[in-house]
Amino acid sequence: MKRHLSFDIIIAVLFSAVLAFSLWNLMSLRSQKKGKSMVIIEAPGEKYIYPLDKNREISIPGALGDTIVKIEKGQVWVIDSPCANKICVQAGKLSRGGQWASCLPNAVFVKIEGRAEENGYDAY
């Protein structure tokens, strides 16, 4: 009985995290600022903002350890993360506003925000 209770709690926490991230993503799409595209990285208790047009490699501390994010030639991607499945690494390169990748086990979210014209979208 105790095993089922802890599994239910884990599922509820994961569902809540995905729901919260989806709502955050929707709200930020509606309130995009004019200007050049920016990379937004959120980690436990921190928010980092970088221009998409300046090359850099960033180490972001997460719940399990450091996630390595690279920005280069107008693209951003996760190079490495301490999670087991590496789904965030497999997400590949992001280059347009609204695209995102996340490492749920490490609680690190990477997203691009930018103008609609710059990203090829005609409506939000």
PDB file of N, CA and C in Angstrom:
ATOM      1  N   MET A   1       0.825  -1.196   0.000  1.00  0.00           N
ATOM      2  CA  MET A   1       0.000   0.000   0.000  1.00  0.00           C
ATOM      3  C   MET A   1       0.867   1.257   0.000  1.00  0.00           C
ATOM      4  N   LYS A   2       1.932   1.259   0.768  1.00  0.00           N
ATOM      5  CA  LYS A   2       2.800   2.418   0.849  1.00  0.00           C
ATOM      6  C   LYS A   2       3.504   2.687  -0.474  1.00  0.00           C
ATOM      7  N   ARG A   3       3.836   1.628  -1.192  1.00  0.00           N
ATOM      8  CA  ARG A   3       4.505   1.780  -2.481  1.00  0.00           C
ATOM      9  C   ARG A   3       3.609   2.495  -3.486  1.00  0.00           C
ATOM     10  N   HIS A   4       2.336   2.159  -3.521  1.00  0.00           N
ATOM     11  CA  HIS A   4       1.404   2.808  -4.448  1.00  0.00           C
ATOM     12  C   HIS A   4       1.216   4.274  -4.112  1.00  0.00           C
ATOM     13  N   LEU A   5       1.213   4.602  -2.847  1.00  0.00           N
ATOM     14  CA  LEU A   5       1.051   5.987  -2.437  1.00  0.00           C
ATOM     15  C   LEU A   5       2.227   6.841  -2.908  1.00  0.00           C
ATOM     16  N   SER A   6       3.442   6.374  -2.777  1.00  0.00           N
ATOM     17  CA  SER A   6       4.592   7.155  -3.210  1.00  0.00           C
ATOM     18  C   SER A   6       4.630   7.286  -4.733  1.00  0.00           C
ATOM     19  N   PHE A   7       4.225   6.239  -5.452  1.00  0.00           N
ATOM     20  CA  PHE A   7       4.149   6.314  -6.911  1.00  0.00           C
ATOM     21  C   PHE A   7       3.115   7.349  -7.341  1.00  0.00           C
ATOM     22  N   ASP A   8       1.972   7.382  -6.665  1.00  0.00           N
ATOM     23  CA  ASP A   8       0.933   8.365  -6.976  1.00  0.00           C
ATOM     24  C   ASP A   8       1.430   9.785  -6.737  1.00  0.00           C
ATOM     25  N   ILE A   9       2.198   9.969  -5.697  1.00  0.00           N
ATOM     26  CA  ILE A   9       2.732  11.303  -5.396  1.00  0.00           C
ATOM     27  C   ILE A   9       3.718  11.726  -6.480  1.00  0.00           C
ATOM     28  N   ILE A  10       4.564  10.804  -6.911  1.00  0.00           N
ATOM     29  CA  ILE A  10       5.525  11.119  -7.973  1.00  0.00           C
ATOM     30  C   ILE A  10       4.806  11.507  -9.247  1.00  0.00           C
ATOM     31  N   ILE A  11       3.794  10.756  -9.630  1.00  0.00           N
ATOM     32  CA  ILE A  11       3.009  11.065 -10.834  1.00  0.00           C
ATOM     33  C   ILE A  11       2.332  12.425 -10.697  1.00  0.00           C
ATOM     34  N   ALA A  12       1.762  12.712  -9.534  1.00  0.00           N
ATOM     35  CA  ALA A  12       1.098  14.002  -9.315  1.00  0.00           C
ATOM     36  C   ALA A  12       2.083  15.164  -9.417  1.00  0.00           C
ATOM     37  N   VAL A  13       3.275  14.996  -8.863  1.00  0.00           N
ATOM     38  CA  VAL A  13       4.289  16.053  -8.920  1.00  0.00           C
ATOM     39  C   VAL A  13       4.747  16.271 -10.363  1.00  0.00           C
ATOM     40  N   LEU A  14       5.011  15.202 -11.097  1.00  0.00           N
ATOM     41  CA  LEU A  14       5.417  15.334 -12.501  1.00  0.00           C
ATOM     42  C   LEU A  14       4.325  15.986 -13.338  1.00  0.00           C
ATOM     43  N   PHE A  15       3.080  15.577 -13.131  1.00  0.00           N
ATOM     44  CA  PHE A  15       1.967  16.173 -13.868  1.00  0.00           C
ATOM     45  C   PHE A  15       1.857  17.663 -13.557  1.00  0.00           C
ATOM     46  N   SER A  16       2.007  18.027 -12.288  1.00  0.00           N
ATOM     47  CA  SER A  16       1.932  19.441 -11.898  1.00  0.00           C
ATOM     48  C   SER A  16       3.057  20.246 -12.533  1.00  0.00           C
ATOM     49  N   ALA A  17       4.261  19.677 -12.589  1.00  0.00           N
ATOM     50  CA  ALA A  17       5.397  20.381 -13.196  1.00  0.00           C
ATOM     51  C   ALA A  17       5.167  20.610 -14.682  1.00  0.00           C
ATOM     52  N   VAL A  18       4.681  19.603 -15.382  1.00  0.00           N
ATOM     53  CA  VAL A  18       4.412  19.741 -16.816  1.00  0.00           C
ATOM     54  C   VAL A  18       3.302  20.756 -17.052  1.00  0.00           C
ATOM     55  N   LEU A  19       2.258  20.725 -16.237  1.00  0.00           N
ATOM     56  CA  LEU A  19       1.164  21.684 -16.368  1.00  0.00           C
ATOM     57  C   LEU A  19       1.650  23.114 -16.119  1.00  0.00           C
ATOM     58  N   ALA A  20       2.444  23.304 -15.079  1.00  0.00           N
ATOM     59  CA  ALA A  20       2.960  24.639 -14.777  1.00  0.00           C
ATOM     60  C   ALA A  20       3.847  25.155 -15.903  1.00  0.00           C
ATOM     61  N   PHE A  21       4.709  24.292 -16.436  1.00  0.00           N
ATOM     62  CA  PHE A  21       5.584  24.704 -17.525  1.00  0.00           C
ATOM     63  C   PHE A  21       4.773  25.044 -18.774  1.00  0.00           C
ATOM     64  N   SER A  22       3.725  24.280 -19.065  1.00  0.00           N
ATOM     65  CA  SER A  22       2.876  24.554 -20.226  1.00  0.00           C
ATOM     66  C   SER A  22       2.186  25.903 -20.094  1.00  0.00           C
ATOM     67  N   LEU A  23       1.687  26.200 -18.921  1.00  0.00           N
ATOM     68  CA  LEU A  23       1.044  27.496 -18.703  1.00  0.00           C
ATOM     69  C   LEU A  23       2.047  28.634 -18.809  1.00  0.00           C
ATOM     70  N   TRP A  24       3.248  28.436 -18.262  1.00  0.00           N
ATOM     71  CA  TRP A  24       4.302  29.450 -18.369  1.00  0.00           C
ATOM     72  C   TRP A  24       4.646  29.695 -19.832  1.00  0.00           C
ATOM     73  N   ASN A  25       4.743  28.622 -20.608  1.00  0.00           N
ATOM     74  CA  ASN A  25       5.075  28.721 -22.026  1.00  0.00           C
ATOM     75  C   ASN A  25       3.978  29.481 -22.781  1.00  0.00           C
ATOM     76  N   LEU A  26       2.725  29.182 -22.498  1.00  0.00           N
ATOM     77  CA  LEU A  26       1.603  29.855 -23.154  1.00  0.00           C
ATOM     78  C   LEU A  26       1.591  31.344 -22.812  1.00  0.00           C
ATOM     79  N   MET A  27       1.795  31.667 -21.551  1.00  0.00           N
ATOM     80  CA  MET A  27       1.774  33.076 -21.144  1.00  0.00           C
ATOM     81  C   MET A  27       2.923  33.859 -21.782  1.00  0.00           C
ATOM     82  N   SER A  28       4.080  33.257 -21.875  1.00  0.00           N
ATOM     83  CA  SER A  28       5.209  33.990 -22.447  1.00  0.00           C
ATOM     84  C   SER A  28       5.070  34.159 -23.958  1.00  0.00           C
ATOM     85  N   LEU A  29       4.397  33.223 -24.632  1.00  0.00           N
ATOM     86  CA  LEU A  29       4.149  33.386 -26.068  1.00  0.00           C
ATOM     87  C   LEU A  29       3.251  34.591 -26.325  1.00  0.00           C
ATOM     88  N   ARG A  30       2.309  34.812 -25.449  1.00  0.00           N
ATOM     89  CA  ARG A  30       1.374  35.926 -25.631  1.00  0.00           C
ATOM     90  C   ARG A  30       1.983  37.269 -25.277  1.00  0.00           C
ATOM     91  N   SER A  31       3.029  37.262 -24.484  1.00  0.00           N
ATOM     92  CA  SER A  31       3.607  38.530 -24.041  1.00  0.00           C
ATOM     93  C   SER A  31       5.018  38.740 -24.576  1.00  0.00           C
ATOM     94  N   GLN A  32       5.263  38.256 -25.782  1.00  0.00           N
ATOM     95  CA  GLN A  32       6.611  38.409 -26.334  1.00  0.00           C
ATOM     96  C   GLN A  32       6.927  39.873 -26.592  1.00  0.00           C
ATOM     97  N   LYS A  33       8.162  40.227 -26.283  1.00  0.00           N
ATOM     98  CA  LYS A  33       8.604  41.604 -26.461  1.00  0.00           C
ATOM     99  C   LYS A  33       9.208  41.766 -27.843  1.00  0.00           C
ATOM    100  N   LYS A  34       9.113  43.005 -28.351  1.00  0.00           N
ATOM    101  CA  LYS A  34       9.772  43.297 -29.619  1.00  0.00           C
ATOM    102  C   LYS A  34      11.263  43.398 -29.381  1.00  0.00           C
ATOM    103  N   GLY A  35      12.025  43.008 -30.383  1.00  0.00           N
ATOM    104  CA  GLY A  35      13.473  43.039 -30.256  1.00  0.00           C
ATOM    105  C   GLY A  35      14.056  41.729 -30.726  1.00  0.00           C
ATOM    106  N   LYS A  36      15.332  41.557 -30.456  1.00  0.00           N
ATOM    107  CA  LYS A  36      15.981  40.340 -30.925  1.00  0.00           C
ATOM    108  C   LYS A  36      15.624  39.156 -30.032  1.00  0.00           C
ATOM    109  N   SER A  37      15.836  37.963 -30.561  1.00  0.00           N
ATOM    110  CA  SER A  37      15.515  36.749 -29.829  1.00  0.00           C
ATOM    111  C   SER A  37      16.436  36.570 -28.633  1.00  0.00           C
ATOM    112  N   MET A  38      15.856  36.062 -27.551  1.00  0.00           N
ATOM    113  CA  MET A  38      16.591  35.832 -26.321  1.00  0.00           C
ATOM    114  C   MET A  38      16.414  34.380 -25.890  1.00  0.00           C
ATOM    115  N   VAL A  39      17.427  33.851 -25.231  1.00  0.00           N
ATOM    116  CA  VAL A  39      17.368  32.517 -24.651  1.00  0.00           C
ATOM    117  C   VAL A  39      17.031  32.688 -23.174  1.00  0.00           C
ATOM    118  N   ILE A  40      15.956  32.040 -22.746  1.00  0.00           N
ATOM    119  CA  ILE A  40      15.543  32.073 -21.349  1.00  0.00           C
ATOM    120  C   ILE A  40      15.815  30.688 -20.772  1.00  0.00           C
ATOM    121  N   ILE A  41      16.581  30.632 -19.704  1.00  0.00           N
ATOM    122  CA  ILE A  41      16.872  29.366 -19.040  1.00  0.00           C
ATOM    123  C   ILE A  41      16.402  29.487 -17.595  1.00  0.00           C
ATOM    124  N   GLU A  42      15.528  28.569 -17.199  1.00  0.00           N
ATOM    125  CA  GLU A  42      15.049  28.554 -15.828  1.00  0.00           C
ATOM    126  C   GLU A  42      15.534  27.297 -15.141  1.00  0.00           C
ATOM    127  N   ALA A  43      16.034  27.478 -13.932  1.00  0.00           N
ATOM    128  CA  ALA A  43      16.518  26.388 -13.091  1.00  0.00           C
ATOM    129  C   ALA A  43      15.966  26.638 -11.691  1.00  0.00           C
ATOM    130  N   PRO A  44      16.135  25.695 -10.774  1.00  0.00           N
ATOM    131  CA  PRO A  44      15.579  25.893  -9.430  1.00  0.00           C
ATOM    132  C   PRO A  44      16.024  27.212  -8.799  1.00  0.00           C
ATOM    133  N   GLY A  45      15.067  28.124  -8.630  1.00  0.00           N
ATOM    134  CA  GLY A  45      15.326  29.400  -7.984  1.00  0.00           C
ATOM    135  C   GLY A  45      16.058  30.436  -8.815  1.00  0.00           C
ATOM    136  N   GLU A  46      16.325  30.158 -10.080  1.00  0.00           N
ATOM    137  CA  GLU A  46      17.091  31.085 -10.914  1.00  0.00           C
ATOM    138  C   GLU A  46      16.470  31.225 -12.300  1.00  0.00           C
ATOM    139  N   LYS A  47      16.708  32.384 -12.919  1.00  0.00           N
ATOM    140  CA  LYS A  47      16.300  32.617 -14.303  1.00  0.00           C
ATOM    141  C   LYS A  47      17.454  33.331 -14.994  1.00  0.00           C
ATOM    142  N   TYR A  48      17.905  32.785 -16.122  1.00  0.00           N
ATOM    143  CA  TYR A  48      19.025  33.339 -16.876  1.00  0.00           C
ATOM    144  C   TYR A  48      18.511  33.787 -18.237  1.00  0.00           C
ATOM    145  N   ILE A  49      18.972  34.945 -18.713  1.00  0.00           N
ATOM    146  CA  ILE A  49      18.558  35.479 -20.014  1.00  0.00           C
ATOM    147  C   ILE A  49      19.812  35.835 -20.802  1.00  0.00           C
ATOM    148  N   TYR A  50      19.898  35.301 -22.028  1.00  0.00           N
ATOM    149  CA  TYR A  50      21.049  35.542 -22.901  1.00  0.00           C
ATOM    150  C   TYR A  50      20.566  35.863 -24.305  1.00  0.00           C
ATOM    151  N   PRO A  51      21.285  36.721 -25.039  1.00  0.00           N
ATOM    152  CA  PRO A  51      20.931  36.960 -26.441  1.00  0.00           C
ATOM    153  C   PRO A  51      21.259  35.720 -27.277  1.00  0.00           C
ATOM    154  N   LEU A  52      20.417  35.442 -28.254  1.00  0.00           N
ATOM    155  CA  LEU A  52      20.611  34.273 -29.112  1.00  0.00           C
ATOM    156  C   LEU A  52      21.736  34.503 -30.116  1.00  0.00           C
ATOM    157  N   ASP A  53      22.115  35.757 -30.333  1.00  0.00           N
ATOM    158  CA  ASP A  53      23.130  36.043 -31.347  1.00  0.00           C
ATOM    159  C   ASP A  53      24.558  36.145 -30.794  1.00  0.00           C
ATOM    160  N   LYS A  54      24.767  35.805 -29.522  1.00  0.00           N
ATOM    161  CA  LYS A  54      26.117  35.835 -28.943  1.00  0.00           C
ATOM    162  C   LYS A  54      26.501  34.424 -28.499  1.00  0.00           C
ATOM    163  N   ASN A  55      27.571  33.901 -29.097  1.00  0.00           N
ATOM    164  CA  ASN A  55      28.008  32.535 -28.810  1.00  0.00           C
ATOM    165  C   ASN A  55      28.537  32.408 -27.385  1.00  0.00           C
ATOM    166  N   ARG A  56      28.134  31.308 -26.716  1.00  0.00           N
ATOM    167  CA  ARG A  56      28.625  31.030 -25.366  1.00  0.00           C
ATOM    168  C   ARG A  56      28.229  29.616 -24.953  1.00  0.00           C
ATOM    169  N   GLU A  57      28.920  29.116 -23.956  1.00  0.00           N
ATOM    170  CA  GLU A  57      28.586  27.832 -23.337  1.00  0.00           C
ATOM    171  C   GLU A  57      28.332  28.120 -21.865  1.00  0.00           C
ATOM    172  N   ILE A  58      27.201  27.616 -21.349  1.00  0.00           N
ATOM    173  CA  ILE A  58      26.760  27.966 -20.008  1.00  0.00           C
ATOM    174  C   ILE A  58      26.556  26.697 -19.188  1.00  0.00           C
ATOM    175  N   SER A  59      26.995  26.726 -17.945  1.00  0.00           N
ATOM    176  CA  SER A  59      26.754  25.636 -17.006  1.00  0.00           C
ATOM    177  C   SER A  59      25.659  26.090 -16.043  1.00  0.00           C
ATOM    178  N   ILE A  60      24.522  25.403 -16.085  1.00  0.00           N
ATOM    179  CA  ILE A  60      23.361  25.777 -15.277  1.00  0.00           C
ATOM    180  C   ILE A  60      23.187  24.762 -14.145  1.00  0.00           C
ATOM    181  N   PRO A  61      23.256  25.193 -12.880  1.00  0.00           N
ATOM    182  CA  PRO A  61      23.049  24.250 -11.780  1.00  0.00           C
ATOM    183  C   PRO A  61      21.578  23.855 -11.666  1.00  0.00           C
ATOM    184  N   GLY A  62      21.334  22.552 -11.627  1.00  0.00           N
ATOM    185  CA  GLY A  62      19.981  22.037 -11.513  1.00  0.00           C
ATOM    186  C   GLY A  62      19.824  21.179 -10.276  1.00  0.00           C
ATOM    187  N   ALA A  63      18.721  20.464 -10.192  1.00  0.00           N
ATOM    188  CA  ALA A  63      18.415  19.635  -9.026  1.00  0.00           C
ATOM    189  C   ALA A  63      19.373  18.458  -8.881  1.00  0.00           C
ATOM    190  N   LEU A  64      19.866  17.917 -10.005  1.00  0.00           N
ATOM    191  CA  LEU A  64      20.755  16.755  -9.971  1.00  0.00           C
ATOM    192  C   LEU A  64      22.226  17.105 -10.182  1.00  0.00           C
ATOM    193  N   GLY A  65      22.481  18.263 -10.738  1.00  0.00           N
ATOM    194  CA  GLY A  65      23.843  18.667 -11.083  1.00  0.00           C
ATOM    195  C   GLY A  65      23.790  19.725 -12.165  1.00  0.00           C
ATOM    196  N   ASP A  66      24.885  19.917 -12.873  1.00  0.00           N
ATOM    197  CA  ASP A  66      24.967  20.964 -13.895  1.00  0.00           C
ATOM    198  C   ASP A  66      24.487  20.479 -15.253  1.00  0.00           C
ATOM    199  N   THR A  67      23.666  21.311 -15.895  1.00  0.00           N
ATOM    200  CA  THR A  67      23.254  21.109 -17.285  1.00  0.00           C
ATOM    201  C   THR A  67      24.069  22.077 -18.126  1.00  0.00           C
ATOM    202  N   ILE A  68      24.676  21.583 -19.200  1.00  0.00           N
ATOM    203  CA  ILE A  68      25.507  22.414 -20.068  1.00  0.00           C
ATOM    204  C   ILE A  68      24.687  22.807 -21.294  1.00  0.00           C
ATOM    205  N   VAL A  69      24.545  24.117 -21.505  1.00  0.00           N
ATOM    206  CA  VAL A  69      23.772  24.670 -22.618  1.00  0.00           C
ATOM    207  C   VAL A  69      24.723  25.454 -23.502  1.00  0.00           C
ATOM    208  N   LYS A  70      24.560  25.312 -24.825  1.00  0.00           N
ATOM    209  CA  LYS A  70      25.423  26.034 -25.767  1.00  0.00           C
ATOM    210  C   LYS A  70      24.565  26.924 -26.663  1.00  0.00           C
ATOM    211  N   ILE A  71      25.029  28.159 -26.862  1.00  0.00           N
ATOM    212  CA  ILE A  71      24.418  29.100 -27.799  1.00  0.00           C
ATOM    213  C   ILE A  71      25.461  29.378 -28.861  1.00  0.00           C
ATOM    214  N   GLU A  72      25.092  29.133 -30.119  1.00  0.00           N
ATOM    215  CA  GLU A  72      26.043  29.343 -31.209  1.00  0.00           C
ATOM    216  C   GLU A  72      25.301  29.525 -32.526  1.00  0.00           C
ATOM    217  N   LYS A  73      25.715  30.520 -33.290  1.00  0.00           N
ATOM    218  CA  LYS A  73      25.177  30.787 -34.627  1.00  0.00           C
ATOM    219  C   LYS A  73      23.651  30.858 -34.643  1.00  0.00           C
ATOM    220  N   GLY A  74      23.070  31.541 -33.643  1.00  0.00           N
ATOM    221  CA  GLY A  74      21.625  31.730 -33.613  1.00  0.00           C
ATOM    222  C   GLY A  74      20.844  30.495 -33.202  1.00  0.00           C
ATOM    223  N   GLN A  75      21.507  29.542 -32.587  1.00  0.00           N
ATOM    224  CA  GLN A  75      20.839  28.329 -32.123  1.00  0.00           C
ATOM    225  C   GLN A  75      21.253  28.056 -30.680  1.00  0.00           C
ATOM    226  N   VAL A  76      20.401  27.347 -29.959  1.00  0.00           N
ATOM    227  CA  VAL A  76      20.710  26.950 -28.590  1.00  0.00           C
ATOM    228  C   VAL A  76      20.344  25.481 -28.431  1.00  0.00           C
ATOM    229  N   TRP A  77      21.162  24.752 -27.654  1.00  0.00           N
ATOM    230  CA  TRP A  77      20.850  23.349 -27.402  1.00  0.00           C
ATOM    231  C   TRP A  77      21.523  22.907 -26.111  1.00  0.00           C
ATOM    232  N   VAL A  78      21.020  21.799 -25.577  1.00  0.00           N
ATOM    233  CA  VAL A  78      21.589  21.212 -24.371  1.00  0.00           C
ATOM    234  C   VAL A  78      22.674  20.235 -24.804  1.00  0.00           C
ATOM    235  N   ILE A  79      23.890  20.467 -24.342  1.00  0.00           N
ATOM    236  CA  ILE A  79      25.017  19.594 -24.680  1.00  0.00           C
ATOM    237  C   ILE A  79      25.033  18.370 -23.776  1.00  0.00           C
ATOM    238  N   ASP A  80      24.836  18.603 -22.466  1.00  0.00           N
ATOM    239  CA  ASP A  80      24.895  17.496 -21.515  1.00  0.00           C
ATOM    240  C   ASP A  80      24.091  17.841 -20.279  1.00  0.00           C
ATOM    241  N   SER A  81      23.584  16.806 -19.625  1.00  0.00           N
ATOM    242  CA  SER A  81      22.835  16.968 -18.394  1.00  0.00           C
ATOM    243  C   SER A  81      22.992  15.698 -17.561  1.00  0.00           C
ATOM    244  N   PRO A  82      22.874  15.797 -16.245  1.00  0.00           N
ATOM    245  CA  PRO A  82      23.079  14.629 -15.403  1.00  0.00           C
ATOM    246  C   PRO A  82      21.895  13.664 -15.360  1.00  0.00           C
ATOM    247  N   CYS A  83      20.841  13.932 -16.109  1.00  0.00           N
ATOM    248  CA  CYS A  83      19.676  13.046 -16.111  1.00  0.00           C
ATOM    249  C   CYS A  83      20.009  11.713 -16.791  1.00  0.00           C
ATOM    250  N   ALA A  84      19.197  10.723 -16.546  1.00  0.00           N
ATOM    251  CA  ALA A  84      19.473   9.369 -17.044  1.00  0.00           C
ATOM    252  C   ALA A  84      19.181   9.202 -18.540  1.00  0.00           C
ATOM    253  N   ASN A  85      18.049   9.715 -19.013  1.00  0.00           N
ATOM    254  CA  ASN A  85      17.626   9.443 -20.391  1.00  0.00           C
ATOM    255  C   ASN A  85      18.159  10.419 -21.429  1.00  0.00           C
ATOM    256  N   LYS A  86      18.618  11.579 -21.015  1.00  0.00           N
ATOM    257  CA  LYS A  86      19.188  12.592 -21.917  1.00  0.00           C
ATOM    258  C   LYS A  86      18.203  13.051 -23.002  1.00  0.00           C
ATOM    259  N   ILE A  87      16.918  13.087 -22.687  1.00  0.00           N
ATOM    260  CA  ILE A  87      15.911  13.548 -23.648  1.00  0.00           C
ATOM    261  C   ILE A  87      16.144  15.015 -23.997  1.00  0.00           C
ATOM    262  N   CYS A  88      16.619  15.796 -23.039  1.00  0.00           N
ATOM    263  CA  CYS A  88      16.902  17.211 -23.286  1.00  0.00           C
ATOM    264  C   CYS A  88      18.018  17.364 -24.315  1.00  0.00           C
ATOM    265  N   VAL A  89      18.994  16.486 -24.294  1.00  0.00           N
ATOM    266  CA  VAL A  89      20.089  16.522 -25.264  1.00  0.00           C
ATOM    267  C   VAL A  89      19.565  16.106 -26.638  1.00  0.00           C
ATOM    268  N   GLN A  90      18.689  15.119 -26.660  1.00  0.00           N
ATOM    269  CA  GLN A  90      18.126  14.622 -27.911  1.00  0.00           C
ATOM    270  C   GLN A  90      17.150  15.605 -28.558  1.00  0.00           C
ATOM    271  N   ALA A  91      16.711  16.613 -27.813  1.00  0.00           N
ATOM    272  CA  ALA A  91      15.785  17.610 -28.371  1.00  0.00           C
ATOM    273  C   ALA A  91      16.418  18.376 -29.526  1.00  0.00           C
ATOM    274  N   GLY A  92      17.732  18.448 -29.558  1.00  0.00           N
ATOM    275  CA  GLY A  92      18.425  19.091 -30.669  1.00  0.00           C
ATOM    276  C   GLY A  92      18.510  20.598 -30.538  1.00  0.00           C
ATOM    277  N   LYS A  93      18.811  21.230 -31.659  1.00  0.00           N
ATOM    278  CA  LYS A  93      19.043  22.674 -31.688  1.00  0.00           C
ATOM    279  C   LYS A  93      17.734  23.435 -31.858  1.00  0.00           C
ATOM    280  N   LEU A  94      17.607  24.501 -31.104  1.00  0.00           N
ATOM    281  CA  LEU A  94      16.444  25.381 -31.155  1.00  0.00           C
ATOM    282  C   LEU A  94      16.883  26.695 -31.783  1.00  0.00           C
ATOM    283  N   SER A  95      16.023  27.266 -32.652  1.00  0.00           N
ATOM    284  CA  SER A  95      16.432  28.502 -33.312  1.00  0.00           C
ATOM    285  C   SER A  95      15.305  29.523 -33.467  1.00  0.00           C
ATOM    286  N   ARG A  96      14.064  29.164 -33.144  1.00  0.00           N
ATOM    287  CA  ARG A  96      12.933  30.078 -33.341  1.00  0.00           C
ATOM    288  C   ARG A  96      12.190  30.334 -32.038  1.00  0.00           C
ATOM    289  N   GLY A  97      11.601  31.510 -31.952  1.00  0.00           N
ATOM    290  CA  GLY A  97      10.814  31.858 -30.778  1.00  0.00           C
ATOM    291  C   GLY A  97       9.726  30.840 -30.516  1.00  0.00           C
ATOM    292  N   GLY A  98       9.537  30.501 -29.254  1.00  0.00           N
ATOM    293  CA  GLY A  98       8.529  29.533 -28.864  1.00  0.00           C
ATOM    294  C   GLY A  98       9.069  28.110 -28.748  1.00  0.00           C
ATOM    295  N   GLN A  99      10.215  27.831 -29.325  1.00  0.00           N
ATOM    296  CA  GLN A  99      10.792  26.494 -29.195  1.00  0.00           C
ATOM    297  C   GLN A  99      11.399  26.345 -27.802  1.00  0.00           C
ATOM    298  N   TRP A 100      11.360  25.117 -27.278  1.00  0.00           N
ATOM    299  CA  TRP A 100      11.892  24.883 -25.947  1.00  0.00           C
ATOM    300  C   TRP A 100      12.366  23.447 -25.789  1.00  0.00           C
ATOM    301  N   ALA A 101      13.201  23.249 -24.793  1.00  0.00           N
ATOM    302  CA  ALA A 101      13.665  21.928 -24.390  1.00  0.00           C
ATOM    303  C   ALA A 101      13.718  21.947 -22.868  1.00  0.00           C
ATOM    304  N   SER A 102      13.498  20.793 -22.266  1.00  0.00           N
ATOM    305  CA  SER A 102      13.535  20.751 -20.812  1.00  0.00           C
ATOM    306  C   SER A 102      14.167  19.465 -20.318  1.00  0.00           C
ATOM    307  N   CYS A 103      14.767  19.572 -19.165  1.00  0.00           N
ATOM    308  CA  CYS A 103      15.283  18.412 -18.445  1.00  0.00           C
ATOM    309  C   CYS A 103      14.479  18.352 -17.149  1.00  0.00           C
ATOM    310  N   LEU A 104      13.391  17.600 -17.165  1.00  0.00           N
ATOM    311  CA  LEU A 104      12.529  17.539 -15.990  1.00  0.00           C
ATOM    312  C   LEU A 104      13.239  16.979 -14.761  1.00  0.00           C
ATOM    313  N   PRO A 105      14.033  15.909 -14.888  1.00  0.00           N
ATOM    314  CA  PRO A 105      14.700  15.407 -13.681  1.00  0.00           C
ATOM    315  C   PRO A 105      15.644  16.434 -13.046  1.00  0.00           C
ATOM    316  N   ASN A 106      16.274  17.261 -13.864  1.00  0.00           N
ATOM    317  CA  ASN A 106      17.203  18.267 -13.355  1.00  0.00           C
ATOM    318  C   ASN A 106      16.534  19.630 -13.161  1.00  0.00           C
ATOM    319  N   ALA A 107      15.260  19.747 -13.530  1.00  0.00           N
ATOM    320  CA  ALA A 107      14.473  20.975 -13.372  1.00  0.00           C
ATOM    321  C   ALA A 107      15.086  22.173 -14.100  1.00  0.00           C
ATOM    322  N   VAL A 108      15.541  21.954 -15.343  1.00  0.00           N
ATOM    323  CA  VAL A 108      16.113  23.024 -16.161  1.00  0.00           C
ATOM    324  C   VAL A 108      15.280  23.148 -17.438  1.00  0.00           C
ATOM    325  N   PHE A 109      14.820  24.369 -17.740  1.00  0.00           N
ATOM    326  CA  PHE A 109      14.020  24.649 -18.932  1.00  0.00           C
ATOM    327  C   PHE A 109      14.754  25.673 -19.800  1.00  0.00           C
ATOM    328  N   VAL A 110      14.856  25.384 -21.090  1.00  0.00           N
ATOM    329  CA  VAL A 110      15.516  26.267 -22.048  1.00  0.00           C
ATOM    330  C   VAL A 110      14.485  26.661 -23.085  1.00  0.00           C
ATOM    331  N   LYS A 111      14.365  27.953 -23.360  1.00  0.00           N
ATOM    332  CA  LYS A 111      13.337  28.443 -24.274  1.00  0.00           C
ATOM    333  C   LYS A 111      13.831  29.655 -25.040  1.00  0.00           C
ATOM    334  N   ILE A 112      13.327  29.836 -26.253  1.00  0.00           N
ATOM    335  CA  ILE A 112      13.657  31.016 -27.047  1.00  0.00           C
ATOM    336  C   ILE A 112      12.436  31.920 -27.089  1.00  0.00           C
ATOM    337  N   GLU A 113      12.652  33.195 -26.817  1.00  0.00           N
ATOM    338  CA  GLU A 113      11.620  34.213 -26.979  1.00  0.00           C
ATOM    339  C   GLU A 113      12.112  35.212 -28.010  1.00  0.00           C
ATOM    340  N   GLY A 114      11.192  35.663 -28.870  1.00  0.00           N
ATOM    341  CA  GLY A 114      11.561  36.642 -29.875  1.00  0.00           C
ATOM    342  C   GLY A 114      10.343  37.140 -30.624  1.00  0.00           C
ATOM    343  N   ARG A 115      10.591  38.006 -31.584  1.00  0.00           N
ATOM    344  CA  ARG A 115       9.503  38.589 -32.374  1.00  0.00           C
ATOM    345  C   ARG A 115       8.885  37.563 -33.304  1.00  0.00           C
ATOM    346  N   ALA A 116       7.618  37.734 -33.607  1.00  0.00           N
ATOM    347  CA  ALA A 116       6.907  36.828 -34.508  1.00  0.00           C
ATOM    348  C   ALA A 116       7.503  36.873 -35.914  1.00  0.00           C
ATOM    349  N   GLU A 117       7.797  38.071 -36.424  1.00  0.00           N
ATOM    350  CA  GLU A 117       8.337  38.187 -37.782  1.00  0.00           C
ATOM    351  C   GLU A 117       9.663  37.475 -37.908  1.00  0.00           C
ATOM    352  N   GLU A 118      10.456  37.558 -36.865  1.00  0.00           N
ATOM    353  CA  GLU A 118      11.773  36.963 -36.856  1.00  0.00           C
ATOM    354  C   GLU A 118      11.702  35.442 -36.824  1.00  0.00           C
ATOM    355  N   ASN A 119      10.608  34.908 -36.315  1.00  0.00           N
ATOM    356  CA  ASN A 119      10.501  33.469 -36.098  1.00  0.00           C
ATOM    357  C   ASN A 119       9.638  32.750 -37.113  1.00  0.00           C
ATOM    358  N   GLY A 120       9.024  33.463 -38.035  1.00  0.00           N
ATOM    359  CA  GLY A 120       8.232  32.825 -39.055  1.00  0.00           C
ATOM    360  C   GLY A 120       6.783  32.569 -38.677  1.00  0.00           C
ATOM    361  N   TYR A 121       6.368  32.981 -37.497  1.00  0.00           N
ATOM    362  CA  TYR A 121       4.972  32.798 -37.097  1.00  0.00           C
ATOM    363  C   TYR A 121       4.162  33.987 -37.581  1.00  0.00           C
ATOM    364  N   ASP A 122       2.937  33.741 -38.008  1.00  0.00           N
ATOM    365  CA  ASP A 122       2.097  34.851 -38.441  1.00  0.00           C
ATOM    366  C   ASP A 122       1.040  35.222 -37.408  1.00  0.00           C
ATOM    367  N   ALA A 123       0.881  34.429 -36.340  1.00  0.00           N
ATOM    368  CA  ALA A 123      -0.076  34.750 -35.296  1.00  0.00           C
ATOM    369  C   ALA A 123       0.274  33.997 -34.028  1.00  0.00           C
ATOM    370  N   TYR A 124      -0.169  34.553 -32.891  1.00  0.00           N
ATOM    371  CA  TYR A 124       0.018  33.897 -31.592  1.00  0.00           C
ATOM    372  C   TYR A 124      -1.316  33.781 -30.914  1.00  0.00           C
TER     373      TYR A 124
END
